[in-house]
Amino acid sequence: MERGKLVRWNADKGFGFIKPDSAGNKDIFIHISILKHMARKPVVGDQINYFSETQSDGKVKAIKANIEGVAVTSTRKSNNNRRHDNNKSTSGMLIPLLVILALGIFGFQKYKEMTATPVLTNQDIEQMEWQPSVQSNNPITRQQTFRCEVGKIHCRQMSSCEEATFYNNNCPGTKMDGDRDGIPCESQWCN
């Protein structure tokens, strides 16, 4: 291992030059990346122990170095910390994703239950009470059996005065009371 003194350092760009202790050698380039394991950043005047390498362009650079008298941080510990931090961030994201997934599955099941078409079995049909509908001549009783059907708006679609009266009074958009006197279908049903 060679030894030298750090004579120039650009902290903003993270590089500098070492003046070797052996006479006659050119200054050696050093980059911050090979000192990242040190407890502090280098400063001008530090004694640097290093291995050097000549690049293809003829320039010499330090490839492995440390600052004399400065503690070396354990790379194993920082790798474990990084691994631990990665596990924390992964588990920190995993829990909310699992909660969202569970809520999605629960919501989908409820949606299926709400939109499911009930299937009648023979047993269900046997338990139903069937009552035949009775047509009464009493207009009040017959009116209760009517209900608005889409598209029934004209007199020709009615079967009685009671039905026409029900539609005229309860269903929107009917066209059965041309003179607007409240009596529908006067020429067909309600004379």
Protein backbone atom coordinates (compact mmCIF):
# COMPACT_ATOMS: atom_id res chain seq x y z
CA MET A 1 0.00 0.00 0.00
CA GLU A 2 1.28 3.47 -0.86
CA ARG A 3 1.00 6.58 1.26
CA GLY A 4 0.47 10.24 0.46
CA LYS A 5 -1.02 13.53 1.54
CA LEU A 6 -4.33 14.91 0.24
CA VAL A 7 -3.28 18.22 -1.36
CA ARG A 8 -6.49 19.23 -3.18
CA TRP A 9 -10.15 18.32 -2.50
CA ASN A 10 -13.36 19.49 -4.20
CA ALA A 11 -16.11 18.60 -1.72
CA ASP A 12 -18.90 19.67 -4.10
CA LYS A 13 -17.78 17.30 -6.84
CA GLY A 14 -16.36 14.59 -4.56
CA PHE A 15 -12.82 14.23 -5.88
CA GLY A 16 -9.27 15.41 -5.22
CA PHE A 17 -5.55 14.63 -5.59
CA ILE A 18 -3.00 12.87 -3.39
CA LYS A 19 0.70 13.91 -3.38
CA PRO A 20 2.60 10.61 -2.95
CA ASP A 21 5.27 10.45 -0.20
CA SER A 22 7.72 8.86 -2.65
CA ALA A 23 9.58 11.55 -4.61
CA GLY A 24 9.11 12.02 -8.32
CA ASN A 25 5.56 10.68 -8.63
CA LYS A 26 2.71 12.69 -10.16
CA ASP A 27 -0.38 13.54 -8.12
CA ILE A 28 -2.87 10.66 -7.85
CA PHE A 29 -6.58 11.19 -8.58
CA ILE A 30 -8.97 10.03 -5.82
CA HIS A 31 -12.78 9.87 -5.90
CA ILE A 32 -15.12 9.96 -2.86
CA SER A 33 -16.64 6.60 -3.85
CA ILE A 34 -13.55 4.70 -2.69
CA LEU A 35 -13.67 6.46 0.69
CA LYS A 36 -17.38 5.85 1.39
CA HIS A 37 -16.52 3.32 4.10
CA MET A 38 -14.74 5.98 6.17
CA ALA A 39 -16.35 7.54 9.27
CA ARG A 40 -15.90 11.06 7.82
CA LYS A 41 -15.20 12.74 4.50
CA PRO A 42 -11.60 13.64 3.64
CA VAL A 43 -10.08 17.12 4.15
CA VAL A 44 -6.94 18.67 2.68
CA GLY A 45 -3.91 17.60 4.71
CA ASP A 46 -5.17 14.06 5.53
CA GLN A 47 -2.66 11.22 5.17
CA ILE A 48 -4.11 8.69 2.71
CA ASN A 49 -3.09 5.05 2.37
CA TYR A 50 -4.01 3.74 -1.09
CA PHE A 51 -3.48 1.32 -3.92
CA SER A 52 -3.13 2.93 -7.35
CA GLU A 53 -3.86 1.87 -10.90
CA THR A 54 -2.77 3.37 -14.22
CA GLN A 55 -5.71 3.94 -16.56
CA SER A 56 -5.66 3.42 -20.33
CA ASP A 57 -5.11 7.16 -20.87
CA GLY A 58 -1.95 7.05 -18.72
CA LYS A 59 -3.42 8.82 -15.69
CA VAL A 60 -3.05 7.24 -12.26
CA LYS A 61 -5.93 6.94 -9.83
CA ALA A 62 -6.42 5.51 -6.36
CA ILE A 63 -8.56 2.36 -6.47
CA LYS A 64 -8.65 1.40 -2.79
CA ALA A 65 -7.92 3.86 -0.02
CA ASN A 66 -8.46 4.90 3.59
CA ILE A 67 -7.77 8.00 5.65
CA GLU A 68 -5.04 7.38 8.20
CA GLY A 69 -6.29 7.69 11.78
CA VAL A 70 -9.99 7.75 10.79
CA ALA A 71 -12.29 4.90 11.73
CA VAL A 72 -13.64 2.58 9.08
CA THR A 73 -17.37 1.94 9.27
CA SER A 74 -18.46 -1.65 8.93
CA THR A 75 -19.92 -2.32 5.48
CA ARG A 76 -21.57 -5.47 6.83
CA LYS A 77 -23.54 -3.43 9.35
CA SER A 78 -24.66 -0.88 6.79
CA ASN A 79 -25.71 -3.68 4.42
CA ASN A 80 -27.77 -5.20 7.23
CA ASN A 81 -29.27 -1.79 7.96
CA ARG A 82 -30.12 -1.33 4.30
CA ARG A 83 -31.67 -4.79 4.18
CA HIS A 84 -33.61 -4.02 7.36
CA ASP A 85 -34.76 -0.66 5.93
CA ASN A 86 -35.84 -2.38 2.72
CA ASN A 87 -37.83 -4.91 4.75
CA LYS A 88 -39.46 -2.07 6.70
CA SER A 89 -40.47 -0.22 3.56
CA THR A 90 -41.76 -3.41 1.94
CA SER A 91 -43.81 -4.38 4.98
CA GLY A 92 -44.97 -0.79 5.34
CA MET A 93 -46.44 -1.01 1.84
CA LEU A 94 -47.59 -4.61 2.12
CA ILE A 95 -50.04 -4.11 5.00
CA PRO A 96 -52.08 -1.34 3.31
CA LEU A 97 -52.15 -3.35 0.08
CA LEU A 98 -53.47 -6.40 1.93
CA VAL A 99 -56.13 -4.27 3.63
CA ILE A 100 -57.21 -2.81 0.27
CA LEU A 101 -57.31 -6.30 -1.25
CA ALA A 102 -59.41 -7.65 1.63
CA LEU A 103 -61.85 -4.72 1.35
CA GLY A 104 -62.10 -5.27 -2.40
CA ILE A 105 -62.90 -8.96 -1.98
CA PHE A 106 -65.43 -8.21 0.78
CA GLY A 107 -67.09 -5.50 -1.34
CA PHE A 108 -67.25 -7.78 -4.37
CA GLN A 109 -68.90 -10.55 -2.32
CA LYS A 110 -71.51 -8.10 -0.98
CA TYR A 111 -72.13 -6.81 -4.52
CA LYS A 112 -72.69 -10.38 -5.74
CA GLU A 113 -75.13 -11.02 -2.87
CA MET A 114 -77.08 -7.85 -3.61
CA THR A 115 -77.33 -8.45 -7.35
CA ALA A 116 -77.90 -12.21 -7.24
CA THR A 117 -81.13 -13.44 -8.75
CA PRO A 118 -82.96 -15.65 -6.28
CA VAL A 119 -83.51 -19.18 -7.48
CA LEU A 120 -86.85 -20.71 -6.57
CA THR A 121 -86.87 -24.37 -5.69
CA ASN A 122 -89.83 -26.73 -5.89
CA GLN A 123 -90.10 -26.56 -2.09
CA ASP A 124 -90.33 -22.73 -2.25
CA ILE A 125 -93.09 -22.94 -4.86
CA GLU A 126 -95.03 -25.52 -2.82
CA GLN A 127 -94.97 -23.23 0.22
CA MET A 128 -96.35 -20.25 -1.68
CA GLU A 129 -100.02 -19.42 -1.24
CA TRP A 130 -101.81 -19.03 -4.53
CA GLN A 131 -104.91 -16.86 -4.62
CA PRO A 132 -106.82 -16.45 -7.81
CA SER A 133 -107.50 -12.83 -8.69
CA VAL A 134 -111.17 -11.93 -8.44
CA GLN A 135 -112.56 -9.36 -10.85
CA SER A 136 -115.07 -7.24 -9.07
CA ASN A 137 -117.66 -4.95 -10.59
CA ASN A 138 -117.04 -2.50 -7.75
CA PRO A 139 -114.88 0.32 -9.27
CA ILE A 140 -113.02 0.92 -6.01
CA THR A 141 -112.02 -2.74 -5.69
CA ARG A 142 -111.04 -3.06 -9.37
CA GLN A 143 -108.99 0.14 -9.29
CA GLN A 144 -106.71 -1.36 -6.68
CA THR A 145 -105.78 -4.22 -9.01
CA PHE A 146 -104.46 -1.87 -11.72
CA ARG A 147 -100.88 -0.75 -12.02
CA CYS A 148 -99.10 1.58 -14.41
CA GLU A 149 -97.51 -0.23 -17.33
CA VAL A 150 -95.01 1.39 -19.65
CA GLY A 151 -96.53 2.35 -22.98
CA LYS A 152 -100.21 2.20 -21.94
CA ILE A 153 -101.29 5.80 -22.54
CA HIS A 154 -104.20 5.63 -25.03
CA CYS A 155 -107.86 4.63 -24.63
CA ARG A 156 -107.57 1.76 -27.14
CA GLN A 157 -105.14 0.08 -24.72
CA MET A 158 -107.63 0.12 -21.80
CA SER A 159 -110.20 -2.58 -21.03
CA SER A 160 -112.66 -0.57 -18.90
CA CYS A 161 -113.61 2.88 -17.66
CA GLU A 162 -112.14 2.02 -14.24
CA GLU A 163 -108.78 1.15 -15.78
CA ALA A 164 -108.76 4.33 -17.88
CA THR A 165 -109.66 6.39 -14.79
CA PHE A 166 -106.88 4.73 -12.78
CA TYR A 167 -104.31 5.42 -15.53
CA ASN A 168 -105.50 8.99 -16.01
CA ASN A 169 -105.24 9.74 -12.25
CA ASN A 170 -102.08 7.77 -11.36
CA CYS A 171 -99.83 7.21 -14.39
CA PRO A 172 -97.76 9.93 -16.05
CA GLY A 173 -98.00 10.79 -19.74
CA THR A 174 -101.48 9.46 -20.47
CA LYS A 175 -103.43 10.82 -23.46
CA MET A 176 -106.98 9.82 -22.57
CA ASP A 177 -108.67 13.06 -21.51
CA GLY A 178 -108.65 15.24 -24.60
CA ASP A 179 -111.08 17.88 -23.26
CA ARG A 180 -109.41 17.91 -19.81
CA ASP A 181 -112.66 17.52 -17.92
CA GLY A 182 -111.29 14.69 -15.69
CA ILE A 183 -113.26 11.94 -17.43
CA PRO A 184 -111.02 9.80 -19.67
CA CYS A 185 -112.01 7.84 -22.77
CA GLU A 186 -115.50 9.37 -22.92
CA SER A 187 -116.30 8.01 -26.38
CA GLN A 188 -114.90 4.50 -25.77
CA TRP A 189 -115.39 3.50 -22.09
CA CYS A 190 -116.72 6.23 -19.81
CA ASN A 191 -119.97 7.39 -21.52
